[in-house]
Amino acid sequence: MENRKLNRLIALAGILNIIGLLSIVLTALKLTPITLIVSLTFGGVLIGLALVLYLYVVIKDLKARKVL
């Protein structure tokens, strides 16, 4: 059951990362000051959240393997 939860968290981290990167690419397609601020802020938050989720799963896995 725990493995299934961790796999879902990894999938969620991947989805958040893709959405964050797409919002940053939006700036390149339509460059205005408001799209620059909104997309970089929104994209940065999503990518940061994806990184936190991924690190949580890695640490959880290393503890399960008794490495940490």
PDB file of N, CA and C in Angstrom:
ATOM      1  N   MET A   1       0.818  -1.191   0.000  1.00  0.00           N
ATOM      2  CA  MET A   1       0.000   0.000   0.000  1.00  0.00           C
ATOM      3  C   MET A   1       0.867   1.262   0.000  1.00  0.00           C
ATOM      4  N   GLU A   2       1.955   1.235   0.768  1.00  0.00           N
ATOM      5  CA  GLU A   2       2.854   2.392   0.843  1.00  0.00           C
ATOM      6  C   GLU A   2       3.531   2.644  -0.501  1.00  0.00           C
ATOM      7  N   ASN A   3       3.892   1.567  -1.192  1.00  0.00           N
ATOM      8  CA  ASN A   3       4.543   1.695  -2.499  1.00  0.00           C
ATOM      9  C   ASN A   3       3.609   2.356  -3.513  1.00  0.00           C
ATOM     10  N   ARG A   4       2.336   2.032  -3.440  1.00  0.00           N
ATOM     11  CA  ARG A   4       1.357   2.621  -4.360  1.00  0.00           C
ATOM     12  C   ARG A   4       1.225   4.125  -4.117  1.00  0.00           C
ATOM     13  N   LYS A   5       1.243   4.520  -2.852  1.00  0.00           N
ATOM     14  CA  LYS A   5       1.152   5.934  -2.501  1.00  0.00           C
ATOM     15  C   LYS A   5       2.375   6.700  -3.012  1.00  0.00           C
ATOM     16  N   LEU A   6       3.549   6.100  -2.853  1.00  0.00           N
ATOM     17  CA  LEU A   6       4.770   6.761  -3.323  1.00  0.00           C
ATOM     18  C   LEU A   6       4.785   6.885  -4.845  1.00  0.00           C
ATOM     19  N   ASN A   7       4.281   5.861  -5.532  1.00  0.00           N
ATOM     20  CA  ASN A   7       4.209   5.942  -6.993  1.00  0.00           C
ATOM     21  C   ASN A   7       3.270   7.054  -7.446  1.00  0.00           C
ATOM     22  N   ARG A   8       2.170   7.235  -6.724  1.00  0.00           N
ATOM     23  CA  ARG A   8       1.238   8.323  -7.062  1.00  0.00           C
ATOM     24  C   ARG A   8       1.874   9.684  -6.816  1.00  0.00           C
ATOM     25  N   LEU A   9       2.663   9.787  -5.744  1.00  0.00           N
ATOM     26  CA  LEU A   9       3.341  11.053  -5.470  1.00  0.00           C
ATOM     27  C   LEU A   9       4.369  11.383  -6.551  1.00  0.00           C
ATOM     28  N   ILE A  10       5.074  10.359  -7.042  1.00  0.00           N
ATOM     29  CA  ILE A  10       6.028  10.583  -8.133  1.00  0.00           C
ATOM     30  C   ILE A  10       5.306  11.018  -9.395  1.00  0.00           C
ATOM     31  N   ALA A  11       4.173  10.386  -9.692  1.00  0.00           N
ATOM     32  CA  ALA A  11       3.388  10.777 -10.865  1.00  0.00           C
ATOM     33  C   ALA A  11       2.870  12.211 -10.717  1.00  0.00           C
ATOM     34  N   LEU A  12       2.411  12.554  -9.531  1.00  0.00           N
ATOM     35  CA  LEU A  12       1.935  13.916  -9.286  1.00  0.00           C
ATOM     36  C   LEU A  12       3.072  14.924  -9.442  1.00  0.00           C
ATOM     37  N   ALA A  13       4.248  14.585  -8.954  1.00  0.00           N
ATOM     38  CA  ALA A  13       5.405  15.470  -9.104  1.00  0.00           C
ATOM     39  C   ALA A  13       5.739  15.678 -10.575  1.00  0.00           C
ATOM     40  N   GLY A  14       5.656  14.627 -11.363  1.00  0.00           N
ATOM     41  CA  GLY A  14       5.908  14.754 -12.800  1.00  0.00           C
ATOM     42  C   GLY A  14       4.893  15.638 -13.497  1.00  0.00           C
ATOM     43  N   ILE A  15       3.636  15.475 -13.129  1.00  0.00           N
ATOM     44  CA  ILE A  15       2.572  16.292 -13.733  1.00  0.00           C
ATOM     45  C   ILE A  15       2.742  17.757 -13.352  1.00  0.00           C
ATOM     46  N   LEU A  16       3.041  18.024 -12.075  1.00  0.00           N
ATOM     47  CA  LEU A  16       3.260  19.403 -11.635  1.00  0.00           C
ATOM     48  C   LEU A  16       4.448  20.034 -12.351  1.00  0.00           C
ATOM     49  N   ASN A  17       5.484  19.243 -12.565  1.00  0.00           N
ATOM     50  CA  ASN A  17       6.671  19.732 -13.260  1.00  0.00           C
ATOM     51  C   ASN A  17       6.346  20.094 -14.705  1.00  0.00           C
ATOM     52  N   ILE A  18       5.593  19.252 -15.374  1.00  0.00           N
ATOM     53  CA  ILE A  18       5.219  19.527 -16.772  1.00  0.00           C
ATOM     54  C   ILE A  18       4.351  20.768 -16.868  1.00  0.00           C
ATOM     55  N   ILE A  19       3.378  20.906 -15.973  1.00  0.00           N
ATOM     56  CA  ILE A  19       2.507  22.092 -15.995  1.00  0.00           C
ATOM     57  C   ILE A  19       3.320  23.349 -15.703  1.00  0.00           C
ATOM     58  N   GLY A  20       4.247  23.263 -14.756  1.00  0.00           N
ATOM     59  CA  GLY A  20       5.104  24.405 -14.445  1.00  0.00           C
ATOM     60  C   GLY A  20       5.970  24.817 -15.622  1.00  0.00           C
ATOM     61  N   LEU A  21       6.545  23.836 -16.299  1.00  0.00           N
ATOM     62  CA  LEU A  21       7.381  24.150 -17.472  1.00  0.00           C
ATOM     63  C   LEU A  21       6.549  24.721 -18.612  1.00  0.00           C
ATOM     64  N   LEU A  22       5.342  24.208 -18.807  1.00  0.00           N
ATOM     65  CA  LEU A  22       4.477  24.751 -19.855  1.00  0.00           C
ATOM     66  C   LEU A  22       4.072  26.190 -19.555  1.00  0.00           C
ATOM     67  N   SER A  23       3.850  26.499 -18.295  1.00  0.00           N
ATOM     68  CA  SER A  23       3.495  27.880 -17.970  1.00  0.00           C
ATOM     69  C   SER A  23       4.674  28.823 -18.193  1.00  0.00           C
ATOM     70  N   ILE A  24       5.885  28.341 -17.998  1.00  0.00           N
ATOM     71  CA  ILE A  24       7.063  29.169 -18.265  1.00  0.00           C
ATOM     72  C   ILE A  24       7.260  29.349 -19.769  1.00  0.00           C
ATOM     73  N   VAL A  25       6.976  28.320 -20.554  1.00  0.00           N
ATOM     74  CA  VAL A  25       7.086  28.421 -22.006  1.00  0.00           C
ATOM     75  C   VAL A  25       6.053  29.408 -22.552  1.00  0.00           C
ATOM     76  N   LEU A  26       4.942  29.554 -21.861  1.00  0.00           N
ATOM     77  CA  LEU A  26       3.925  30.521 -22.272  1.00  0.00           C
ATOM     78  C   LEU A  26       4.518  31.925 -22.401  1.00  0.00           C
ATOM     79  N   THR A  27       5.471  32.237 -21.561  1.00  0.00           N
ATOM     80  CA  THR A  27       6.128  33.540 -21.619  1.00  0.00           C
ATOM     81  C   THR A  27       6.829  33.742 -22.957  1.00  0.00           C
ATOM     82  N   ALA A  28       7.435  32.700 -23.472  1.00  0.00           N
ATOM     83  CA  ALA A  28       8.137  32.820 -24.752  1.00  0.00           C
ATOM     84  C   ALA A  28       7.159  33.018 -25.909  1.00  0.00           C
ATOM     85  N   LEU A  29       5.957  32.481 -25.761  1.00  0.00           N
ATOM     86  CA  LEU A  29       4.983  32.595 -26.843  1.00  0.00           C
ATOM     87  C   LEU A  29       4.266  33.939 -26.852  1.00  0.00           C
ATOM     88  N   LYS A  30       3.956  34.446 -25.682  1.00  0.00           N
ATOM     89  CA  LYS A  30       3.254  35.723 -25.591  1.00  0.00           C
ATOM     90  C   LYS A  30       3.922  36.553 -24.506  1.00  0.00           C
ATOM     91  N   LEU A  31       4.861  37.382 -24.906  1.00  0.00           N
ATOM     92  CA  LEU A  31       5.666  38.126 -23.956  1.00  0.00           C
ATOM     93  C   LEU A  31       5.032  39.474 -23.641  1.00  0.00           C
ATOM     94  N   THR A  32       4.429  39.550 -22.490  1.00  0.00           N
ATOM     95  CA  THR A  32       3.949  40.812 -21.936  1.00  0.00           C
ATOM     96  C   THR A  32       4.398  40.827 -20.476  1.00  0.00           C
ATOM     97  N   PRO A  33       4.439  41.992 -19.868  1.00  0.00           N
ATOM     98  CA  PRO A  33       4.900  42.026 -18.468  1.00  0.00           C
ATOM     99  C   PRO A  33       4.058  41.158 -17.530  1.00  0.00           C
ATOM    100  N   ILE A  34       2.747  41.149 -17.722  1.00  0.00           N
ATOM    101  CA  ILE A  34       1.896  40.375 -16.806  1.00  0.00           C
ATOM    102  C   ILE A  34       2.062  38.871 -17.027  1.00  0.00           C
ATOM    103  N   THR A  35       2.199  38.422 -18.275  1.00  0.00           N
ATOM    104  CA  THR A  35       2.417  36.986 -18.492  1.00  0.00           C
ATOM    105  C   THR A  35       3.781  36.563 -17.972  1.00  0.00           C
ATOM    106  N   LEU A  36       4.750  37.440 -18.066  1.00  0.00           N
ATOM    107  CA  LEU A  36       6.077  37.135 -17.543  1.00  0.00           C
ATOM    108  C   LEU A  36       6.023  36.923 -16.029  1.00  0.00           C
ATOM    109  N   ILE A  37       5.386  37.829 -15.328  1.00  0.00           N
ATOM    110  CA  ILE A  37       5.322  37.739 -13.868  1.00  0.00           C
ATOM    111  C   ILE A  37       4.481  36.541 -13.430  1.00  0.00           C
ATOM    112  N   VAL A  38       3.308  36.398 -14.026  1.00  0.00           N
ATOM    113  CA  VAL A  38       2.398  35.328 -13.603  1.00  0.00           C
ATOM    114  C   VAL A  38       2.959  33.952 -13.940  1.00  0.00           C
ATOM    115  N   SER A  39       3.440  33.782 -15.154  1.00  0.00           N
ATOM    116  CA  SER A  39       3.890  32.442 -15.549  1.00  0.00           C
ATOM    117  C   SER A  39       5.164  32.029 -14.829  1.00  0.00           C
ATOM    118  N   LEU A  40       6.084  32.947 -14.620  1.00  0.00           N
ATOM    119  CA  LEU A  40       7.304  32.574 -13.903  1.00  0.00           C
ATOM    120  C   LEU A  40       7.029  32.313 -12.428  1.00  0.00           C
ATOM    121  N   THR A  41       6.141  33.083 -11.824  1.00  0.00           N
ATOM    122  CA  THR A  41       5.793  32.844 -10.421  1.00  0.00           C
ATOM    123  C   THR A  41       5.039  31.524 -10.280  1.00  0.00           C
ATOM    124  N   PHE A  42       4.008  31.345 -11.082  1.00  0.00           N
ATOM    125  CA  PHE A  42       3.199  30.129 -11.032  1.00  0.00           C
ATOM    126  C   PHE A  42       4.038  28.903 -11.389  1.00  0.00           C
ATOM    127  N   GLY A  43       4.815  29.014 -12.452  1.00  0.00           N
ATOM    128  CA  GLY A  43       5.662  27.898 -12.864  1.00  0.00           C
ATOM    129  C   GLY A  43       6.714  27.560 -11.829  1.00  0.00           C
ATOM    130  N   GLY A  44       7.306  28.582 -11.219  1.00  0.00           N
ATOM    131  CA  GLY A  44       8.313  28.347 -10.191  1.00  0.00           C
ATOM    132  C   GLY A  44       7.751  27.655  -8.967  1.00  0.00           C
ATOM    133  N   VAL A  45       6.551  28.046  -8.575  1.00  0.00           N
ATOM    134  CA  VAL A  45       5.904  27.409  -7.421  1.00  0.00           C
ATOM    135  C   VAL A  45       5.595  25.944  -7.731  1.00  0.00           C
ATOM    136  N   LEU A  46       5.081  25.679  -8.918  1.00  0.00           N
ATOM    137  CA  LEU A  46       4.752  24.292  -9.275  1.00  0.00           C
ATOM    138  C   LEU A  46       6.003  23.418  -9.359  1.00  0.00           C
ATOM    139  N   ILE A  47       7.061  23.946  -9.951  1.00  0.00           N
ATOM    140  CA  ILE A  47       8.307  23.175 -10.054  1.00  0.00           C
ATOM    141  C   ILE A  47       8.908  22.955  -8.664  1.00  0.00           C
ATOM    142  N   GLY A  48       8.832  23.964  -7.809  1.00  0.00           N
ATOM    143  CA  GLY A  48       9.318  23.807  -6.435  1.00  0.00           C
ATOM    144  C   GLY A  48       8.528  22.765  -5.665  1.00  0.00           C
ATOM    145  N   LEU A  49       7.219  22.769  -5.828  1.00  0.00           N
ATOM    146  CA  LEU A  49       6.373  21.775  -5.164  1.00  0.00           C
ATOM    147  C   LEU A  49       6.678  20.369  -5.687  1.00  0.00           C
ATOM    148  N   ALA A  50       6.910  20.247  -6.983  1.00  0.00           N
ATOM    149  CA  ALA A  50       7.265  18.951  -7.555  1.00  0.00           C
ATOM    150  C   ALA A  50       8.595  18.457  -6.989  1.00  0.00           C
ATOM    151  N   LEU A  51       9.539  19.359  -6.810  1.00  0.00           N
ATOM    152  CA  LEU A  51      10.836  18.986  -6.249  1.00  0.00           C
ATOM    153  C   LEU A  51      10.693  18.510  -4.806  1.00  0.00           C
ATOM    154  N   VAL A  52       9.867  19.189  -4.019  1.00  0.00           N
ATOM    155  CA  VAL A  52       9.642  18.784  -2.629  1.00  0.00           C
ATOM    156  C   VAL A  52       9.000  17.396  -2.572  1.00  0.00           C
ATOM    157  N   LEU A  53       8.007  17.147  -3.427  1.00  0.00           N
ATOM    158  CA  LEU A  53       7.365  15.827  -3.456  1.00  0.00           C
ATOM    159  C   LEU A  53       8.365  14.737  -3.835  1.00  0.00           C
ATOM    160  N   TYR A  54       9.187  15.023  -4.847  1.00  0.00           N
ATOM    161  CA  TYR A  54      10.170  14.037  -5.286  1.00  0.00           C
ATOM    162  C   TYR A  54      11.189  13.749  -4.188  1.00  0.00           C
ATOM    163  N   LEU A  55      11.668  14.786  -3.517  1.00  0.00           N
ATOM    164  CA  LEU A  55      12.627  14.582  -2.433  1.00  0.00           C
ATOM    165  C   LEU A  55      12.006  13.806  -1.276  1.00  0.00           C
ATOM    166  N   TYR A  56      10.737  14.050  -0.987  1.00  0.00           N
ATOM    167  CA  TYR A  56      10.043  13.305   0.053  1.00  0.00           C
ATOM    168  C   TYR A  56      10.022  11.812  -0.275  1.00  0.00           C
ATOM    169  N   VAL A  57       9.709  11.487  -1.527  1.00  0.00           N
ATOM    170  CA  VAL A  57       9.649  10.082  -1.935  1.00  0.00           C
ATOM    171  C   VAL A  57      11.037   9.445  -1.877  1.00  0.00           C
ATOM    172  N   VAL A  58      12.062  10.161  -2.313  1.00  0.00           N
ATOM    173  CA  VAL A  58      13.423   9.619  -2.279  1.00  0.00           C
ATOM    174  C   VAL A  58      13.863   9.352  -0.839  1.00  0.00           C
ATOM    175  N   ILE A  59      13.619  10.299   0.047  1.00  0.00           N
ATOM    176  CA  ILE A  59      14.004  10.114   1.454  1.00  0.00           C
ATOM    177  C   ILE A  59      13.224   8.965   2.085  1.00  0.00           C
ATOM    178  N   LYS A  60      11.934   8.879   1.782  1.00  0.00           N
ATOM    179  CA  LYS A  60      11.107   7.790   2.304  1.00  0.00           C
ATOM    180  C   LYS A  60      11.641   6.430   1.822  1.00  0.00           C
ATOM    181  N   ASP A  61      12.027   6.350   0.555  1.00  0.00           N
ATOM    182  CA  ASP A  61      12.551   5.104  -0.002  1.00  0.00           C
ATOM    183  C   ASP A  61      13.901   4.748   0.619  1.00  0.00           C
ATOM    184  N   LEU A  62      14.751   5.739   0.802  1.00  0.00           N
ATOM    185  CA  LEU A  62      16.051   5.459   1.415  1.00  0.00           C
ATOM    186  C   LEU A  62      15.908   5.008   2.866  1.00  0.00           C
ATOM    187  N   LYS A  63      14.935   5.551   3.573  1.00  0.00           N
ATOM    188  CA  LYS A  63      14.694   5.099   4.942  1.00  0.00           C
ATOM    189  C   LYS A  63      14.141   3.676   4.956  1.00  0.00           C
ATOM    190  N   ALA A  64      13.313   3.329   3.981  1.00  0.00           N
ATOM    191  CA  ALA A  64      12.766   1.973   3.909  1.00  0.00           C
ATOM    192  C   ALA A  64      13.865   0.956   3.606  1.00  0.00           C
ATOM    193  N   ARG A  65      14.858   1.381   2.854  1.00  0.00           N
ATOM    194  CA  ARG A  65      15.987   0.488   2.532  1.00  0.00           C
ATOM    195  C   ARG A  65      17.082   0.537   3.597  1.00  0.00           C
ATOM    196  N   LYS A  66      16.852   1.310   4.657  1.00  0.00           N
ATOM    197  CA  LYS A  66      17.775   1.450   5.778  1.00  0.00           C
ATOM    198  C   LYS A  66      19.114   2.051   5.355  1.00  0.00           C
ATOM    199  N   VAL A  67      19.069   2.950   4.385  1.00  0.00           N
ATOM    200  CA  VAL A  67      20.278   3.670   3.981  1.00  0.00           C
ATOM    201  C   VAL A  67      20.418   4.926   4.839  1.00  0.00           C
ATOM    202  N   LEU A  68      19.310   5.547   5.153  1.00  0.00           N
ATOM    203  CA  LEU A  68      19.329   6.732   6.038  1.00  0.00           C
ATOM    204  C   LEU A  68      18.878   6.349   7.430  1.00  0.00           C
TER     205      LEU A  68
END
